[in-house]
Amino acid sequence: MAVTWNISNLEYNNDADKGVVHAAWTCSDSETVGEVVHSGTVSGMESFTPDTTADGWTPYADLTETQVLGWVHSTIGDDEKARVETKVATQITVSQTPVSLYGTPW
């Protein structure tokens, strides 16, 4: 199992600076047991206030997913990041040992 964080989409201003105002993210992981893949995913969105005068401003065309993930992680903080990753792990555990099942007895 290896938790993976991704940026699924960006919303940016429709001007020359194209400053990012929202970043949609997902955190996911999976574990294969036999032939069954058990997975978990949590998603969210973080808001930003673009500041073209800030040190380290990066033009939209030069942004990388790693950089934007850094913004997301900084915004949510270490405690929330750990909670998100725990939720993903819990989804996998529940998938492996469900508390309820579906079907009929006949």
Foldseek 3Di string as FASTA:
>chain_A
DDKDKWFPDFQFDPDPQRHTFKTKMKIKDWDDDPNDIQMFMDIDMDGDDDDPPDPPDDRPVPDDRVVVVVVVCVVCDDVVVVVRVVRGVVSRVCVVPPPDDDDDPD
